[in-house]
Amino acid sequence: MAVSSLEGLAGLSLTSSRILSKGDMVMMTFAAVWLTYKLIGRHFLIINSNDDKKIYLLYSLLLLSLVSFSQSNDIWMSHYHSDILRRMRIQYEKPPGFSEKLGIECFKDKPKLETILTCVGNQLISNDRQFLTLISIFKIFSKEDSVFMQKMMPKNNLYNTNRQHINQLRRIIKTSLGEEHGKSWKNYVTYYTEASAKTKFNADTAILVPIKLEGEDVYDEIYSNLGALVLQKKDRGFIIIYFLYTNKGKRKLPNYLKSIESIFRYYD
């Protein structure tokens, strides 16, 4: 499948199982309109900023078009997405103590999870079932992508393609804590040191993000805590590893984090 010119906007959730033709993409785009309305329409209607609505709708349409029609029951990572990682020069390795779980999750009836993650696949679950990860990959904007988006949203600075992860972080914080916290998002995240980000991931930036969940968003009746690990490298795109864990798993959180730190590494 040819890479969409706006592909960098959407998190490439690792769920496709085949290379898609142009015809597939056209069909998927139309279908995504309906799916977006069904899955996230009510959240879209309460977003106040017109620019945020444009970003959110484009993000949702592209994400849904990529994941909705290509899920496999017998493959964890498609050849297509393996190729995306290869082009981003990122190495994947399943962490010890985890299993690859097939399927896609759209978090129906979980409003905050549904808004933050939309639809995400390729889960990794700990052997003790207390910790679950869901992975999104964001390919870097091309200059053409940035120019196009800047014309649509002139009030937003989209020319700096290496700050896409900041836009996502602000979106997560605003959804988690409230619109007013978006400008002070740095107060709610933890940066790895530059040396640590380089040593662990060969990344320029690594950030841990705690995400507040309410009772209605407890996933699968036991996963009541949510966080995210964001990895970014200049001109190479970024990855978000979302992780859900139980109250019992909270006691072993440092061990789980150490495990997921081994999942991805940028190589030179």
Protein backbone atom coordinates (compact mmCIF):
# COMPACT_ATOMS: atom_id res chain seq x y z
CA MET A 1 0.00 0.00 0.00
CA ALA A 2 1.25 3.44 -0.83
CA VAL A 3 1.75 5.56 2.28
CA SER A 4 -1.00 8.15 2.61
CA SER A 5 0.16 11.78 2.48
CA LEU A 6 -1.52 12.35 5.85
CA GLU A 7 -0.48 9.09 7.42
CA GLY A 8 1.70 10.87 9.94
CA LEU A 9 -1.38 12.36 11.58
CA ALA A 10 -2.86 9.04 12.58
CA GLY A 11 -1.33 6.57 15.01
CA LEU A 12 -0.58 3.52 12.93
CA SER A 13 -2.03 0.96 15.29
CA LEU A 14 -0.41 -2.32 14.48
CA THR A 15 -3.44 -4.20 13.21
CA SER A 16 -3.27 -4.53 9.43
CA SER A 17 -2.73 -7.99 8.05
CA ARG A 18 -2.28 -7.31 4.35
CA ILE A 19 -1.07 -4.68 1.89
CA LEU A 20 -4.05 -2.60 0.83
CA SER A 21 -4.78 -1.50 -2.72
CA LYS A 22 -5.92 1.99 -3.70
CA GLY A 23 -9.42 0.58 -4.10
CA ASP A 24 -9.29 -0.74 -0.57
CA MET A 25 -8.31 2.67 0.72
CA VAL A 26 -11.22 4.38 -1.08
CA MET A 27 -13.72 1.91 0.37
CA MET A 28 -12.18 2.22 3.81
CA THR A 29 -12.35 6.01 3.74
CA PHE A 30 -16.09 5.99 3.10
CA ALA A 31 -16.63 3.35 5.76
CA ALA A 32 -14.52 5.33 8.22
CA VAL A 33 -17.00 8.22 8.12
CA TRP A 34 -19.74 5.96 9.43
CA LEU A 35 -17.44 4.29 11.95
CA THR A 36 -16.19 7.62 13.24
CA TYR A 37 -19.75 8.78 13.85
CA LYS A 38 -20.67 5.55 15.63
CA LEU A 39 -17.50 5.35 17.73
CA ILE A 40 -16.57 8.91 18.61
CA GLY A 41 -19.26 11.23 17.29
CA ARG A 42 -20.46 12.24 20.71
CA HIS A 43 -16.93 13.24 21.78
CA PHE A 44 -16.42 15.26 18.60
CA LEU A 45 -19.55 17.28 19.26
CA ILE A 46 -18.28 18.55 22.63
CA ILE A 47 -14.87 19.76 21.40
CA ASN A 48 -14.95 23.55 21.56
CA SER A 49 -12.12 24.58 19.23
CA ASN A 50 -12.82 24.40 15.49
CA ASP A 51 -9.15 23.64 14.83
CA ASP A 52 -9.22 20.86 17.41
CA LYS A 53 -12.31 19.45 15.70
CA LYS A 54 -10.50 19.38 12.37
CA ILE A 55 -7.46 17.66 13.87
CA TYR A 56 -9.60 15.19 15.80
CA LEU A 57 -11.77 14.29 12.81
CA LEU A 58 -8.80 13.82 10.49
CA TYR A 59 -7.00 11.78 13.12
CA SER A 60 -10.03 9.60 13.65
CA LEU A 61 -10.87 9.07 10.00
CA LEU A 62 -7.35 8.12 9.06
CA LEU A 63 -6.87 5.87 12.04
CA LEU A 64 -10.15 4.08 11.48
CA SER A 65 -9.49 3.69 7.76
CA LEU A 66 -6.21 1.98 8.55
CA VAL A 67 -7.44 -0.45 11.18
CA SER A 68 -11.08 -1.23 10.58
CA PHE A 69 -10.96 -3.58 7.60
CA SER A 70 -7.67 -5.39 7.88
CA GLN A 71 -7.55 -7.25 11.15
CA SER A 72 -6.16 -10.76 11.01
CA ASN A 73 -6.95 -13.56 13.40
CA ASP A 74 -3.61 -15.28 12.97
CA ILE A 75 -0.91 -12.60 12.73
CA TRP A 76 0.27 -10.13 15.33
CA MET A 77 2.13 -7.62 13.15
CA SER A 78 1.46 -7.26 9.44
CA HIS A 79 4.21 -7.17 6.83
CA TYR A 80 3.06 -3.65 6.03
CA HIS A 81 3.59 -2.35 9.54
CA SER A 82 6.82 -4.27 9.87
CA ASP A 83 7.94 -2.33 6.82
CA ILE A 84 6.86 0.95 8.45
CA LEU A 85 9.06 0.14 11.43
CA ARG A 86 11.91 -0.78 9.09
CA ARG A 87 11.63 2.54 7.28
CA MET A 88 11.57 4.36 10.61
CA ARG A 89 14.60 2.22 11.54
CA ILE A 90 13.02 0.83 14.70
CA GLN A 91 13.61 -2.65 16.05
CA TYR A 92 10.81 -4.53 17.82
CA GLU A 93 11.41 -7.23 20.40
CA LYS A 94 8.79 -9.00 22.50
CA PRO A 95 9.70 -8.46 26.16
CA PRO A 96 10.25 -11.45 28.45
CA GLY A 97 7.24 -12.37 30.55
CA PHE A 98 4.76 -11.11 27.93
CA SER A 99 2.63 -12.71 25.22
CA GLU A 100 1.41 -11.19 21.97
CA LYS A 101 -2.37 -10.90 22.07
CA LEU A 102 -4.27 -10.76 18.78
CA GLY A 103 -7.18 -8.44 18.12
CA ILE A 104 -8.25 -4.82 18.07
CA GLU A 105 -9.91 -2.85 20.85
CA CYS A 106 -12.10 0.23 20.32
CA PHE A 107 -13.19 0.67 23.97
CA LYS A 108 -16.93 0.88 23.43
CA ASP A 109 -18.69 2.38 26.46
CA LYS A 110 -15.34 3.57 27.85
CA PRO A 111 -15.50 7.28 26.95
CA LYS A 112 -12.06 8.41 28.07
CA LEU A 113 -10.25 5.35 26.69
CA GLU A 114 -12.27 5.63 23.49
CA THR A 115 -11.29 9.28 23.06
CA ILE A 116 -7.59 8.87 23.88
CA LEU A 117 -6.87 5.57 22.14
CA THR A 118 -9.72 5.35 19.58
CA CYS A 119 -9.02 1.86 18.16
CA VAL A 120 -5.73 0.17 19.02
CA GLY A 121 -4.46 -3.33 18.38
CA ASN A 122 -1.45 -5.55 18.80
CA GLN A 123 -1.56 -5.94 22.50
CA LEU A 124 1.12 -7.38 24.73
CA ILE A 125 -0.12 -8.91 27.97
CA SER A 126 1.98 -9.95 30.95
CA ASN A 127 1.95 -13.62 31.86
CA ASP A 128 0.29 -12.80 35.19
CA ARG A 129 -2.47 -10.88 33.29
CA GLN A 130 -2.00 -7.77 35.45
CA PHE A 131 -0.42 -5.50 32.81
CA LEU A 132 -1.49 -4.85 29.19
CA THR A 133 0.13 -2.70 26.49
CA LEU A 134 -1.38 -1.27 23.31
CA ILE A 135 0.91 0.24 20.69
CA SER A 136 0.50 3.17 18.27
CA ILE A 137 3.15 4.24 15.76
CA PHE A 138 3.23 7.74 14.26
CA LYS A 139 5.21 8.10 11.06
CA ILE A 140 6.85 11.50 10.63
CA PHE A 141 5.04 14.20 8.66
CA SER A 142 6.56 15.01 5.31
CA LYS A 143 7.06 18.72 4.55
CA GLU A 144 4.12 18.47 2.13
CA ASP A 145 1.92 17.09 4.93
CA SER A 146 2.87 19.96 7.22
CA VAL A 147 2.18 22.63 4.57
CA PHE A 148 -1.22 21.09 3.82
CA MET A 149 -2.20 20.91 7.49
CA GLN A 150 -0.93 24.44 8.14
CA LYS A 151 -3.23 25.76 5.44
CA MET A 152 -6.18 24.01 7.08
CA MET A 153 -5.27 25.24 10.56
CA PRO A 154 -3.27 28.48 10.22
CA LYS A 155 -3.40 29.19 13.96
CA ASN A 156 -1.44 26.02 14.75
CA ASN A 157 2.30 25.71 14.21
CA LEU A 158 2.53 22.48 12.23
CA TYR A 159 5.70 23.21 10.26
CA ASN A 160 7.95 21.66 12.90
CA THR A 161 7.53 17.98 12.06
CA ASN A 162 9.56 16.92 15.09
CA ARG A 163 7.00 18.28 17.56
CA GLN A 164 4.12 16.03 16.55
CA HIS A 165 4.50 14.05 19.77
CA ILE A 166 3.93 17.25 21.77
CA ASN A 167 0.55 17.73 20.08
CA GLN A 168 -0.39 14.19 21.06
CA LEU A 169 0.77 14.70 24.66
CA ARG A 170 -1.31 17.84 24.98
CA ARG A 171 -4.33 16.02 23.56
CA ILE A 172 -3.90 13.20 26.10
CA ILE A 173 -3.56 15.62 29.02
CA LYS A 174 -6.57 17.70 27.95
CA THR A 175 -8.71 14.59 27.58
CA SER A 176 -7.49 13.13 30.86
CA LEU A 177 -7.52 16.19 33.11
CA GLY A 178 -9.50 18.87 31.28
CA GLU A 179 -9.07 21.46 28.55
CA GLU A 180 -7.51 24.02 30.92
CA HIS A 181 -4.53 21.74 31.61
CA GLY A 182 -3.38 21.56 27.99
CA LYS A 183 -1.06 24.56 28.21
CA SER A 184 0.62 23.25 31.37
CA TRP A 185 1.01 19.67 30.07
CA LYS A 186 4.68 19.54 31.11
CA ASN A 187 3.60 19.62 34.74
CA TYR A 188 1.99 16.20 34.32
CA VAL A 189 4.67 14.21 32.52
CA THR A 190 8.08 12.80 33.41
CA TYR A 191 10.99 13.11 30.99
CA TYR A 192 13.76 10.54 30.88
CA THR A 193 17.16 12.22 30.96
CA GLU A 194 18.77 12.70 27.56
CA ALA A 195 21.39 10.10 28.44
CA SER A 196 18.77 7.58 29.60
CA ALA A 197 16.63 8.06 26.47
CA LYS A 198 19.72 7.46 24.35
CA THR A 199 20.88 4.40 26.30
CA LYS A 200 17.50 2.66 26.61
CA PHE A 201 15.91 3.48 23.25
CA ASN A 202 18.50 5.34 21.16
CA ALA A 203 15.82 8.05 21.14
CA ASP A 204 16.08 11.81 21.45
CA THR A 205 13.09 11.97 23.78
CA ALA A 206 11.37 9.54 26.13
CA ILE A 207 8.42 10.59 28.29
CA LEU A 208 6.18 8.84 30.81
CA VAL A 209 2.59 10.05 31.03
CA PRO A 210 0.16 9.06 33.82
CA ILE A 211 -3.47 9.16 32.65
CA LYS A 212 -6.34 9.52 35.10
CA LEU A 213 -9.17 7.00 34.71
CA GLU A 214 -12.65 7.27 36.19
CA GLY A 215 -14.70 4.29 37.36
CA GLU A 216 -16.64 3.99 34.11
CA ASP A 217 -13.38 3.60 32.19
CA VAL A 218 -12.04 0.64 34.14
CA TYR A 219 -11.18 -1.80 31.37
CA ASP A 220 -12.24 -5.44 31.45
CA GLU A 221 -13.37 -4.87 35.06
CA ILE A 222 -9.80 -5.03 36.46
CA TYR A 223 -7.55 -2.59 34.58
CA SER A 224 -8.12 0.62 36.53
CA ASN A 225 -4.82 2.41 35.80
CA LEU A 226 -3.48 3.83 32.54
CA GLY A 227 -0.19 5.35 31.42
CA ALA A 228 1.82 5.92 28.28
CA LEU A 229 5.47 5.77 27.25
CA VAL A 230 6.29 8.14 24.37
CA LEU A 231 9.46 7.63 22.31
CA GLN A 232 10.63 10.12 19.69
CA LYS A 233 13.69 10.60 17.49
CA LYS A 234 14.35 13.54 15.17
CA ASP A 235 13.09 12.95 11.62
CA ARG A 236 12.15 9.36 12.52
CA GLY A 237 8.63 9.65 13.94
CA PHE A 238 7.42 8.58 17.36
CA ILE A 239 5.76 5.71 19.20
CA ILE A 240 3.25 5.66 22.04
CA ILE A 241 3.09 2.53 24.17
CA TYR A 242 -0.11 2.77 26.20
CA PHE A 243 -0.30 0.49 29.23
CA LEU A 244 -3.22 -0.58 31.39
CA TYR A 245 -2.65 -2.28 34.72
CA THR A 246 -4.57 -3.54 37.72
CA ASN A 247 -4.33 -2.32 41.30
CA LYS A 248 -2.52 -5.56 42.07
CA GLY A 249 -0.13 -4.90 39.19
CA LYS A 250 0.60 -1.41 40.55
CA ARG A 251 2.86 -3.01 43.14
CA LYS A 252 5.06 -4.37 40.34
CA LEU A 253 4.87 -1.31 38.09
CA PRO A 254 8.66 -0.65 38.06
CA ASN A 255 9.23 -4.21 36.85
CA TYR A 256 6.62 -3.91 34.11
CA LEU A 257 8.06 -0.58 32.96
CA LYS A 258 11.50 -2.10 32.76
CA SER A 259 10.06 -4.83 30.53
CA ILE A 260 8.28 -2.49 28.12
CA GLU A 261 11.38 -0.33 27.84
CA SER A 262 12.87 -3.20 25.85
CA ILE A 263 10.10 -3.35 23.20
CA PHE A 264 11.38 -0.73 20.74
CA ARG A 265 14.77 0.74 19.90
CA TYR A 266 15.76 3.14 17.14
CA TYR A 267 18.81 1.87 15.32
CA ASP A 268 21.37 3.97 13.41
